[in-house]
Amino acid sequence: MKQKDTMEIMVGLFVLAAVAALFMLAMKVSNLTTLNEDEGYVLYARFDNIGGLKVMSPVRAGGVLVGRVVAIEYDQDRFEARVKMAIDPRYDRFPRDTTASIFTAGLLGEQYISLEAGGEEAYLGNGDEIRLTQSAFILEQVLGRLFYDQAAQ
């Protein structure tokens, strides 16, 4: 009887370790950081269409994760989406003419904001707005226009 109890305890510990390992793997793969506006600085950008961009989507520059989207709201006066980004304080030298574009990682991957630095000598600061933006590429709109144009001919 004692050997059976020991075996059950060992199996239970093994299962517990496996569940803990899967949890750690899930946290690592999700790549979620706790970066918020208190830890870094905030930049804003306006887009005509954000596609599937979500809160906690990555903000990348040169392929490197430099921040996260922390809020998205609709501006009823300008009819645009206003995106609030928390940028890691290590990356504090984006020129004022930096461009923000929404891209998709892979064919069906998540959407993210890509920052491309300009050449201006002055840098963006906390609360500044990126003026040069490129909205998300919406495949459905392009296909709709293509088929509509072909049907009209």
C-alpha atoms as a PDB file:
ATOM      1  CA  MET A   1       0.000   0.000   0.000  1.00  0.00           C
ATOM      2  CA  LYS A   2       2.844   2.385   0.830  1.00  0.00           C
ATOM      3  CA  GLN A   3       4.458   1.855  -2.580  1.00  0.00           C
ATOM      4  CA  LYS A   4       1.163   2.693  -4.321  1.00  0.00           C
ATOM      5  CA  ASP A   5       0.825   5.957  -2.334  1.00  0.00           C
ATOM      6  CA  THR A   6       4.400   6.939  -3.215  1.00  0.00           C
ATOM      7  CA  MET A   7       3.738   6.269  -6.894  1.00  0.00           C
ATOM      8  CA  GLU A   8       0.554   8.373  -6.841  1.00  0.00           C
ATOM      9  CA  ILE A   9       2.389  11.262  -5.182  1.00  0.00           C
ATOM     10  CA  MET A  10       5.175  11.082  -7.790  1.00  0.00           C
ATOM     11  CA  VAL A  11       2.658  11.067 -10.651  1.00  0.00           C
ATOM     12  CA  GLY A  12       0.833  14.015  -9.070  1.00  0.00           C
ATOM     13  CA  LEU A  13       4.084  16.003  -8.735  1.00  0.00           C
ATOM     14  CA  PHE A  14       4.962  15.183 -12.348  1.00  0.00           C
ATOM     15  CA  VAL A  15       1.571  16.400 -13.581  1.00  0.00           C
ATOM     16  CA  LEU A  16       1.885  19.569 -11.474  1.00  0.00           C
ATOM     17  CA  ALA A  17       5.363  20.251 -12.913  1.00  0.00           C
ATOM     18  CA  ALA A  18       4.049  19.696 -16.445  1.00  0.00           C
ATOM     19  CA  VAL A  19       1.171  22.148 -15.900  1.00  0.00           C
ATOM     20  CA  ALA A  20       3.594  24.741 -14.461  1.00  0.00           C
ATOM     21  CA  ALA A  21       5.920  24.288 -17.458  1.00  0.00           C
ATOM     22  CA  LEU A  22       3.037  24.734 -19.903  1.00  0.00           C
ATOM     23  CA  PHE A  23       1.951  27.895 -18.080  1.00  0.00           C
ATOM     24  CA  MET A  24       5.486  29.314 -18.257  1.00  0.00           C
ATOM     25  CA  LEU A  25       5.678  28.435 -21.955  1.00  0.00           C
ATOM     26  CA  ALA A  26       2.339  30.125 -22.633  1.00  0.00           C
ATOM     27  CA  MET A  27       3.510  33.308 -20.896  1.00  0.00           C
ATOM     28  CA  LYS A  28       6.761  33.302 -22.864  1.00  0.00           C
ATOM     29  CA  VAL A  29       5.045  32.705 -26.222  1.00  0.00           C
ATOM     30  CA  SER A  30       2.393  35.363 -25.620  1.00  0.00           C
ATOM     31  CA  ASN A  31       5.213  37.901 -25.197  1.00  0.00           C
ATOM     32  CA  LEU A  32       3.024  40.101 -23.032  1.00  0.00           C
ATOM     33  CA  THR A  33       4.910  42.656 -21.042  1.00  0.00           C
ATOM     34  CA  THR A  34       3.586  44.900 -18.346  1.00  0.00           C
ATOM     35  CA  LEU A  35       4.771  48.022 -20.144  1.00  0.00           C
ATOM     36  CA  ASN A  36       2.355  50.852 -19.474  1.00  0.00           C
ATOM     37  CA  GLU A  37       2.435  54.601 -19.725  1.00  0.00           C
ATOM     38  CA  ASP A  38       3.869  54.958 -16.205  1.00  0.00           C
ATOM     39  CA  GLU A  39       7.025  53.021 -17.138  1.00  0.00           C
ATOM     40  CA  GLY A  40       7.717  54.731 -20.435  1.00  0.00           C
ATOM     41  CA  TYR A  41       6.432  57.665 -22.393  1.00  0.00           C
ATOM     42  CA  VAL A  42       3.300  58.072 -24.452  1.00  0.00           C
ATOM     43  CA  LEU A  43       2.991  58.765 -28.175  1.00  0.00           C
ATOM     44  CA  TYR A  44      -0.215  59.167 -30.170  1.00  0.00           C
ATOM     45  CA  ALA A  45      -1.019  58.486 -33.810  1.00  0.00           C
ATOM     46  CA  ARG A  46      -4.194  58.887 -35.872  1.00  0.00           C
ATOM     47  CA  PHE A  47      -5.267  56.429 -38.546  1.00  0.00           C
ATOM     48  CA  ASP A  48      -8.185  56.335 -40.996  1.00  0.00           C
ATOM     49  CA  ASN A  49      -8.486  52.574 -40.469  1.00  0.00           C
ATOM     50  CA  ILE A  50      -6.727  50.437 -37.855  1.00  0.00           C
ATOM     51  CA  GLY A  51      -7.934  47.081 -39.199  1.00  0.00           C
ATOM     52  CA  GLY A  52      -7.535  44.446 -36.478  1.00  0.00           C
ATOM     53  CA  LEU A  53      -5.122  46.414 -34.279  1.00  0.00           C
ATOM     54  CA  LYS A  54      -5.833  45.783 -30.592  1.00  0.00           C
ATOM     55  CA  VAL A  55      -4.770  47.039 -27.200  1.00  0.00           C
ATOM     56  CA  MET A  56      -1.458  45.332 -26.255  1.00  0.00           C
ATOM     57  CA  SER A  57      -0.447  45.021 -29.921  1.00  0.00           C
ATOM     58  CA  PRO A  58       3.288  45.502 -30.375  1.00  0.00           C
ATOM     59  CA  VAL A  59       4.949  48.710 -31.515  1.00  0.00           C
ATOM     60  CA  ARG A  60       8.131  47.923 -33.436  1.00  0.00           C
ATOM     61  CA  ALA A  61      10.979  49.925 -34.918  1.00  0.00           C
ATOM     62  CA  GLY A  62      13.335  48.103 -37.248  1.00  0.00           C
ATOM     63  CA  GLY A  63      11.672  44.851 -36.175  1.00  0.00           C
ATOM     64  CA  VAL A  64      12.534  45.466 -32.499  1.00  0.00           C
ATOM     65  CA  LEU A  65       9.771  45.653 -29.891  1.00  0.00           C
ATOM     66  CA  VAL A  66       9.876  49.218 -28.548  1.00  0.00           C
ATOM     67  CA  GLY A  67       6.418  49.528 -26.999  1.00  0.00           C
ATOM     68  CA  ARG A  68       2.786  48.476 -26.860  1.00  0.00           C
ATOM     69  CA  VAL A  69      -0.583  49.922 -27.843  1.00  0.00           C
ATOM     70  CA  VAL A  70      -2.286  50.900 -24.572  1.00  0.00           C
ATOM     71  CA  ALA A  71      -5.523  52.492 -25.813  1.00  0.00           C
ATOM     72  CA  ILE A  72      -7.568  52.968 -28.980  1.00  0.00           C
ATOM     73  CA  GLU A  73     -10.413  55.448 -29.259  1.00  0.00           C
ATOM     74  CA  TYR A  74     -12.490  56.945 -32.039  1.00  0.00           C
ATOM     75  CA  ASP A  75     -12.303  60.720 -32.575  1.00  0.00           C
ATOM     76  CA  GLN A  76     -15.836  61.768 -33.598  1.00  0.00           C
ATOM     77  CA  ASP A  77     -14.675  65.225 -34.684  1.00  0.00           C
ATOM     78  CA  ARG A  78     -11.985  64.043 -37.117  1.00  0.00           C
ATOM     79  CA  PHE A  79     -13.546  60.626 -37.938  1.00  0.00           C
ATOM     80  CA  GLU A  80     -10.285  58.810 -37.208  1.00  0.00           C
ATOM     81  CA  ALA A  81      -8.975  56.259 -34.762  1.00  0.00           C
ATOM     82  CA  ARG A  82      -6.563  57.684 -32.202  1.00  0.00           C
ATOM     83  CA  VAL A  83      -4.012  55.164 -30.947  1.00  0.00           C
ATOM     84  CA  LYS A  84      -2.129  55.658 -27.698  1.00  0.00           C
ATOM     85  CA  MET A  85       1.241  53.885 -27.467  1.00  0.00           C
ATOM     86  CA  ALA A  86       3.489  53.351 -24.446  1.00  0.00           C
ATOM     87  CA  ILE A  87       7.113  53.431 -25.575  1.00  0.00           C
ATOM     88  CA  ASP A  88       9.942  51.920 -23.534  1.00  0.00           C
ATOM     89  CA  PRO A  89      12.071  54.732 -22.034  1.00  0.00           C
ATOM     90  CA  ARG A  90      15.235  53.191 -23.542  1.00  0.00           C
ATOM     91  CA  TYR A  91      13.948  54.257 -26.972  1.00  0.00           C
ATOM     92  CA  ASP A  92      13.539  57.984 -26.433  1.00  0.00           C
ATOM     93  CA  ARG A  93      15.070  59.359 -29.646  1.00  0.00           C
ATOM     94  CA  PHE A  94      12.467  59.085 -32.366  1.00  0.00           C
ATOM     95  CA  PRO A  95      12.687  62.132 -34.664  1.00  0.00           C
ATOM     96  CA  ARG A  96       9.627  64.389 -34.928  1.00  0.00           C
ATOM     97  CA  ASP A  97       9.062  63.270 -38.543  1.00  0.00           C
ATOM     98  CA  THR A  98       8.814  59.575 -37.629  1.00  0.00           C
ATOM     99  CA  THR A  99       6.220  57.601 -39.622  1.00  0.00           C
ATOM    100  CA  ALA A 100       3.763  55.134 -38.020  1.00  0.00           C
ATOM    101  CA  SER A 101       2.308  52.366 -40.199  1.00  0.00           C
ATOM    102  CA  ILE A 102       0.063  49.430 -39.394  1.00  0.00           C
ATOM    103  CA  PHE A 103       1.361  46.120 -40.726  1.00  0.00           C
ATOM    104  CA  THR A 104       0.407  42.470 -40.387  1.00  0.00           C
ATOM    105  CA  ALA A 105       2.924  39.883 -39.167  1.00  0.00           C
ATOM    106  CA  GLY A 106       2.706  37.191 -41.839  1.00  0.00           C
ATOM    107  CA  LEU A 107      -0.312  36.463 -44.004  1.00  0.00           C
ATOM    108  CA  LEU A 108      -2.805  35.942 -41.175  1.00  0.00           C
ATOM    109  CA  GLY A 109      -0.756  37.171 -38.207  1.00  0.00           C
ATOM    110  CA  GLU A 110      -1.381  39.865 -35.641  1.00  0.00           C
ATOM    111  CA  GLN A 111      -1.295  43.509 -36.581  1.00  0.00           C
ATOM    112  CA  TYR A 112       1.314  45.840 -35.157  1.00  0.00           C
ATOM    113  CA  ILE A 113       2.517  49.410 -35.494  1.00  0.00           C
ATOM    114  CA  SER A 114       5.835  49.945 -37.203  1.00  0.00           C
ATOM    115  CA  LEU A 115       7.737  53.158 -36.517  1.00  0.00           C
ATOM    116  CA  GLU A 116      10.150  54.390 -39.163  1.00  0.00           C
ATOM    117  CA  ALA A 117      12.467  57.135 -38.019  1.00  0.00           C
ATOM    118  CA  GLY A 118      12.767  60.298 -40.080  1.00  0.00           C
ATOM    119  CA  GLY A 119      15.707  62.639 -40.363  1.00  0.00           C
ATOM    120  CA  GLU A 120      14.694  65.589 -38.216  1.00  0.00           C
ATOM    121  CA  GLU A 121      17.033  66.638 -35.386  1.00  0.00           C
ATOM    122  CA  ALA A 122      14.289  67.262 -32.795  1.00  0.00           C
ATOM    123  CA  TYR A 123      12.807  64.245 -31.016  1.00  0.00           C
ATOM    124  CA  LEU A 124       9.283  63.247 -30.042  1.00  0.00           C
ATOM    125  CA  GLY A 125       8.501  63.612 -26.343  1.00  0.00           C
ATOM    126  CA  ASN A 126       5.910  62.395 -23.890  1.00  0.00           C
ATOM    127  CA  GLY A 127       2.397  63.089 -25.201  1.00  0.00           C
ATOM    128  CA  ASP A 128       3.480  64.043 -28.737  1.00  0.00           C
ATOM    129  CA  GLU A 129       1.542  62.921 -31.797  1.00  0.00           C
ATOM    130  CA  ILE A 130       3.068  61.223 -34.821  1.00  0.00           C
ATOM    131  CA  ARG A 131       1.715  63.177 -37.790  1.00  0.00           C
ATOM    132  CA  LEU A 132       2.756  60.885 -40.649  1.00  0.00           C
ATOM    133  CA  THR A 133       0.710  57.670 -40.587  1.00  0.00           C
ATOM    134  CA  GLN A 134      -0.286  54.882 -42.941  1.00  0.00           C
ATOM    135  CA  SER A 135      -3.467  52.966 -42.206  1.00  0.00           C
ATOM    136  CA  ALA A 136      -3.853  49.201 -42.238  1.00  0.00           C
ATOM    137  CA  PHE A 137      -4.000  47.369 -45.553  1.00  0.00           C
ATOM    138  CA  ILE A 138      -7.463  45.826 -45.700  1.00  0.00           C
ATOM    139  CA  LEU A 139      -7.471  42.896 -48.107  1.00  0.00           C
ATOM    140  CA  GLU A 140     -11.268  42.783 -48.303  1.00  0.00           C
ATOM    141  CA  GLN A 141     -11.402  46.390 -49.545  1.00  0.00           C
ATOM    142  CA  VAL A 142      -8.814  45.754 -52.250  1.00  0.00           C
ATOM    143  CA  LEU A 143     -10.575  42.595 -53.441  1.00  0.00           C
ATOM    144  CA  GLY A 144     -13.937  44.382 -53.399  1.00  0.00           C
ATOM    145  CA  ARG A 145     -12.590  47.195 -55.552  1.00  0.00           C
ATOM    146  CA  LEU A 146     -10.940  44.736 -57.918  1.00  0.00           C
ATOM    147  CA  PHE A 147     -14.089  42.691 -58.431  1.00  0.00           C
ATOM    148  CA  TYR A 148     -16.287  45.806 -58.609  1.00  0.00           C
ATOM    149  CA  ASP A 149     -14.032  47.339 -61.283  1.00  0.00           C
ATOM    150  CA  GLN A 150     -14.072  44.116 -63.301  1.00  0.00           C
ATOM    151  CA  ALA A 151     -17.863  43.816 -63.047  1.00  0.00           C
ATOM    152  CA  ALA A 152     -18.319  47.422 -64.171  1.00  0.00           C
ATOM    153  CA  GLN A 153     -16.381  46.802 -67.390  1.00  0.00           C
END
